Amino acid sequence: MSGTTKSSAHRPLRRAYRFILIVALVYIVFTPIWWLVTPLYSEAHCVAANWALNLDILSDDELTFTYEDGEIVGRIIFRFIRPYDNHRFKASAKETCGSGRIHFGVVIWGALLAATPFCSFRRKLIYFLVGWALLFVSQIEGLYLQVLFNKALTLQHLEPTYQSRLPAIVEYVFDWGGQFYLLIGNKLLPILFWLIVGLPLLIKGGSESKA
């Protein structure tokens, strides 16, 4: 009886060790593979960003994203009016983002799901595709915020007296949101997804009922 109790007590710990081991193995195996996929994935990012971020008919900013030498390059052409003489200017800004900083949230998401004891491969695949889609959209938003950050810096350099029409808090989010996301947030987001979707199943030991 005591042996059975002791075995039950150690079961969650063994499950945790197994989960960590599988996450590490999947991440190690798929990281070099992902480096091979990165150029195609980056091109897809650029195509999607060029389409989605130029739909705003209320803005006359011209956004262009290209994949060049292992990096995603975002360029923005914008116009602004100098406040003291109402003279209209045209300027541009550029942001370069290493694709490795953007994409590896997908590998983390895949590794976490691979180690989570879902009842079926089909359910695991559905979660992976939904999470991947959300990551893809958020990665485009991160690129956009980073370009806006450089636009703000360029405006401050060209015209220190320029006053934005946006509230200060919105400017702050634009200025730093993209940097935070590309450096840290895109790694934390798949972990947040997993805490919602996968952690309860890991605790229960994969006892999710079949769909």
Protein backbone atom coordinates (compact mmCIF):
# COMPACT_ATOMS: atom_id res chain seq x y z
CA MET A 1 0.00 0.00 0.00
CA SER A 2 2.79 2.41 0.95
CA GLY A 3 4.62 1.53 -2.29
CA THR A 4 1.55 2.42 -4.35
CA THR A 5 1.15 5.71 -2.48
CA LYS A 6 4.80 6.58 -2.99
CA SER A 7 4.54 5.78 -6.72
CA SER A 8 1.48 8.03 -7.07
CA ALA A 9 3.29 10.83 -5.27
CA HIS A 10 6.24 10.62 -7.66
CA ARG A 11 4.10 10.47 -10.80
CA PRO A 12 3.67 14.28 -11.25
CA LEU A 13 7.42 14.75 -10.82
CA ARG A 14 8.19 12.09 -13.45
CA ARG A 15 5.66 13.71 -15.76
CA ALA A 16 7.38 17.08 -15.32
CA TYR A 17 10.82 15.60 -16.04
CA ARG A 18 9.48 13.87 -19.14
CA PHE A 19 7.89 17.12 -20.34
CA ILE A 20 11.13 19.10 -19.91
CA LEU A 21 13.16 16.42 -21.68
CA ILE A 22 10.84 16.28 -24.70
CA VAL A 23 10.70 20.08 -24.97
CA ALA A 24 14.51 20.26 -24.95
CA LEU A 25 14.91 17.45 -27.51
CA VAL A 26 12.31 18.86 -29.92
CA TYR A 27 13.80 22.34 -29.67
CA ILE A 28 17.33 21.06 -30.31
CA VAL A 29 16.24 18.94 -33.29
CA PHE A 30 14.00 21.50 -34.98
CA THR A 31 16.08 24.65 -34.46
CA PRO A 32 18.56 23.84 -37.27
CA ILE A 33 15.66 22.76 -39.50
CA TRP A 34 13.93 26.05 -38.79
CA TRP A 35 17.02 27.96 -39.90
CA LEU A 36 16.54 26.35 -43.31
CA VAL A 37 12.86 27.32 -43.36
CA THR A 38 13.49 30.88 -42.16
CA PRO A 39 14.04 32.49 -45.62
CA LEU A 40 10.69 31.20 -46.92
CA TYR A 41 8.94 32.13 -43.67
CA SER A 42 10.46 35.62 -43.80
CA GLU A 43 9.31 36.08 -47.38
CA ALA A 44 5.81 35.08 -46.31
CA HIS A 45 5.99 37.66 -43.53
CA CYS A 46 6.95 40.36 -46.01
CA VAL A 47 4.17 39.48 -48.45
CA ALA A 48 1.55 39.43 -45.70
CA ALA A 49 2.84 42.65 -44.11
CA ASN A 50 2.96 44.51 -47.43
CA TRP A 51 -0.65 43.55 -48.06
CA ALA A 52 -2.15 44.01 -44.59
CA LEU A 53 -0.33 47.15 -43.45
CA ASN A 54 -1.10 49.13 -46.60
CA LEU A 55 -4.88 48.70 -46.35
CA ASP A 56 -5.32 51.81 -44.18
CA ILE A 57 -6.84 54.38 -46.55
CA LEU A 58 -6.71 57.04 -43.82
CA SER A 59 -2.92 57.06 -43.76
CA ASP A 60 -0.67 58.25 -46.58
CA ASP A 61 2.36 56.41 -45.20
CA GLU A 62 3.97 54.01 -47.68
CA LEU A 63 5.19 50.78 -46.05
CA THR A 64 7.43 48.20 -47.69
CA PHE A 65 8.92 45.04 -46.18
CA THR A 66 11.61 42.98 -47.91
CA TYR A 67 13.82 40.05 -46.94
CA GLU A 68 17.47 40.89 -47.56
CA ASP A 69 20.57 38.93 -46.51
CA GLY A 70 18.90 37.10 -43.63
CA GLU A 71 17.05 40.13 -42.30
CA ILE A 72 13.60 41.64 -42.68
CA VAL A 73 13.90 45.28 -43.72
CA GLY A 74 10.96 47.59 -43.12
CA ARG A 75 10.86 50.94 -44.92
CA ILE A 76 8.32 53.69 -44.40
CA ILE A 77 7.84 56.88 -46.44
CA PHE A 78 5.78 59.46 -44.60
CA ARG A 79 4.80 63.10 -44.80
CA PHE A 80 4.61 65.67 -42.04
CA ILE A 81 3.81 69.37 -41.72
CA ARG A 82 6.22 71.71 -39.98
CA PRO A 83 4.08 73.47 -37.37
CA TYR A 84 5.47 77.01 -37.49
CA ASP A 85 5.16 77.56 -41.26
CA ASN A 86 2.85 74.69 -42.36
CA HIS A 87 5.48 73.51 -44.82
CA ARG A 88 4.89 69.90 -45.93
CA PHE A 89 7.84 67.52 -45.93
CA LYS A 90 8.40 63.97 -47.16
CA ALA A 91 10.78 61.71 -45.24
CA SER A 92 11.64 58.05 -44.80
CA ALA A 93 12.79 55.67 -42.09
CA LYS A 94 14.14 52.13 -42.12
CA GLU A 95 14.24 49.31 -39.59
CA THR A 96 16.22 46.09 -39.94
CA CYS A 97 15.20 43.05 -37.88
CA GLY A 98 17.13 39.81 -37.73
CA SER A 99 14.67 37.10 -38.71
CA GLY A 100 15.94 34.83 -35.93
CA ARG A 101 14.61 37.31 -33.36
CA ILE A 102 11.14 37.08 -34.86
CA HIS A 103 10.54 33.47 -35.75
CA PHE A 104 11.67 31.26 -32.93
CA GLY A 105 8.44 31.62 -31.05
CA VAL A 106 7.10 29.06 -33.53
CA VAL A 107 9.76 26.52 -32.54
CA ILE A 108 9.02 27.10 -28.85
CA TRP A 109 5.29 26.65 -29.49
CA GLY A 110 5.87 23.41 -31.40
CA ALA A 111 8.20 22.02 -28.72
CA LEU A 112 5.73 22.79 -25.92
CA LEU A 113 2.86 21.12 -27.79
CA ALA A 114 4.94 18.09 -28.72
CA ALA A 115 5.63 17.45 -25.03
CA THR A 116 2.03 18.01 -23.90
CA PRO A 117 -0.02 14.81 -23.46
CA PHE A 118 -3.00 15.57 -25.71
CA CYS A 119 -5.26 12.62 -26.40
CA SER A 120 -4.83 12.71 -30.18
CA PHE A 121 -2.47 13.98 -32.85
CA ARG A 122 -5.41 15.72 -34.54
CA ARG A 123 -6.14 17.86 -31.48
CA LYS A 124 -2.44 18.68 -31.11
CA LEU A 125 -2.21 19.70 -34.78
CA ILE A 126 -5.26 21.98 -34.51
CA TYR A 127 -3.79 23.77 -31.51
CA PHE A 128 -0.46 24.12 -33.30
CA LEU A 129 -2.01 25.68 -36.42
CA VAL A 130 -4.20 28.08 -34.44
CA GLY A 131 -1.24 29.15 -32.28
CA TRP A 132 0.97 29.50 -35.35
CA ALA A 133 -1.60 31.78 -37.01
CA LEU A 134 -1.80 33.98 -33.91
CA LEU A 135 2.00 34.13 -33.70
CA PHE A 136 2.25 35.02 -37.39
CA VAL A 137 -0.14 37.95 -37.01
CA SER A 138 1.55 39.14 -33.82
CA GLN A 139 4.96 38.97 -35.51
CA ILE A 140 3.72 41.27 -38.28
CA GLU A 141 2.38 43.67 -35.66
CA GLY A 142 5.76 43.60 -33.93
CA LEU A 143 7.49 44.53 -37.18
CA TYR A 144 5.00 47.35 -37.73
CA LEU A 145 5.52 48.80 -34.25
CA GLN A 146 9.27 48.66 -34.75
CA VAL A 147 8.98 50.65 -37.98
CA LEU A 148 6.76 53.20 -36.23
CA PHE A 149 9.43 53.50 -33.54
CA ASN A 150 11.98 54.48 -36.17
CA LYS A 151 9.51 56.86 -37.77
CA ALA A 152 9.11 58.64 -34.42
CA LEU A 153 12.89 58.86 -34.00
CA THR A 154 13.26 60.27 -37.50
CA LEU A 155 10.58 62.88 -36.86
CA GLN A 156 12.25 63.97 -33.64
CA HIS A 157 15.56 64.30 -35.47
CA LEU A 158 14.15 66.23 -38.44
CA GLU A 159 11.81 68.46 -36.49
CA PRO A 160 12.30 68.61 -32.69
CA THR A 161 9.24 70.88 -32.34
CA TYR A 162 6.94 68.40 -34.07
CA GLN A 163 3.94 67.48 -31.95
CA SER A 164 2.16 64.21 -32.65
CA ARG A 165 -1.64 64.10 -32.75
CA LEU A 166 -1.55 60.84 -30.79
CA PRO A 167 -1.76 60.73 -26.97
CA ALA A 168 1.59 60.32 -25.20
CA ILE A 169 0.72 56.83 -23.94
CA VAL A 170 -0.02 55.67 -27.50
CA GLU A 171 3.29 57.09 -28.68
CA TYR A 172 5.03 55.23 -25.86
CA VAL A 173 3.40 51.94 -26.88
CA PHE A 174 4.44 52.47 -30.50
CA ASP A 175 7.96 53.45 -29.51
CA TRP A 176 8.71 50.54 -27.21
CA GLY A 177 6.08 47.91 -27.95
CA GLY A 178 7.77 46.68 -31.10
CA GLN A 179 11.19 46.49 -29.49
CA PHE A 180 9.88 44.58 -26.49
CA TYR A 181 7.93 42.15 -28.63
CA LEU A 182 10.76 41.37 -31.05
CA LEU A 183 13.32 40.93 -28.27
CA ILE A 184 11.25 39.18 -25.60
CA GLY A 185 7.52 39.09 -26.29
CA ASN A 186 7.60 36.73 -29.26
CA LYS A 187 9.30 34.14 -27.01
CA LEU A 188 6.86 34.68 -24.14
CA LEU A 189 3.68 34.58 -26.23
CA PRO A 190 3.84 30.85 -27.09
CA ILE A 191 4.56 30.13 -23.42
CA LEU A 192 1.45 32.13 -22.49
CA PHE A 193 -0.59 30.16 -25.04
CA TRP A 194 0.70 26.92 -23.57
CA LEU A 195 -0.11 27.96 -19.99
CA ILE A 196 -3.73 28.35 -21.09
CA VAL A 197 -4.00 25.29 -23.34
CA GLY A 198 -1.35 22.80 -22.26
CA LEU A 199 -0.62 23.21 -18.58
CA PRO A 200 -4.01 21.92 -17.37
CA LEU A 201 -3.52 18.80 -19.51
CA LEU A 202 -0.01 18.27 -18.23
CA ILE A 203 -1.27 18.49 -14.65
CA LYS A 204 -4.06 16.01 -15.40
CA GLY A 205 -1.65 13.74 -17.24
CA GLY A 206 -3.36 14.01 -20.59
CA SER A 207 -6.78 12.89 -19.40
CA GLU A 208 -8.57 15.25 -21.80
CA SER A 209 -11.72 13.79 -23.25
CA LYS A 210 -11.69 13.09 -26.93
CA ALA A 211 -13.41 15.56 -29.25
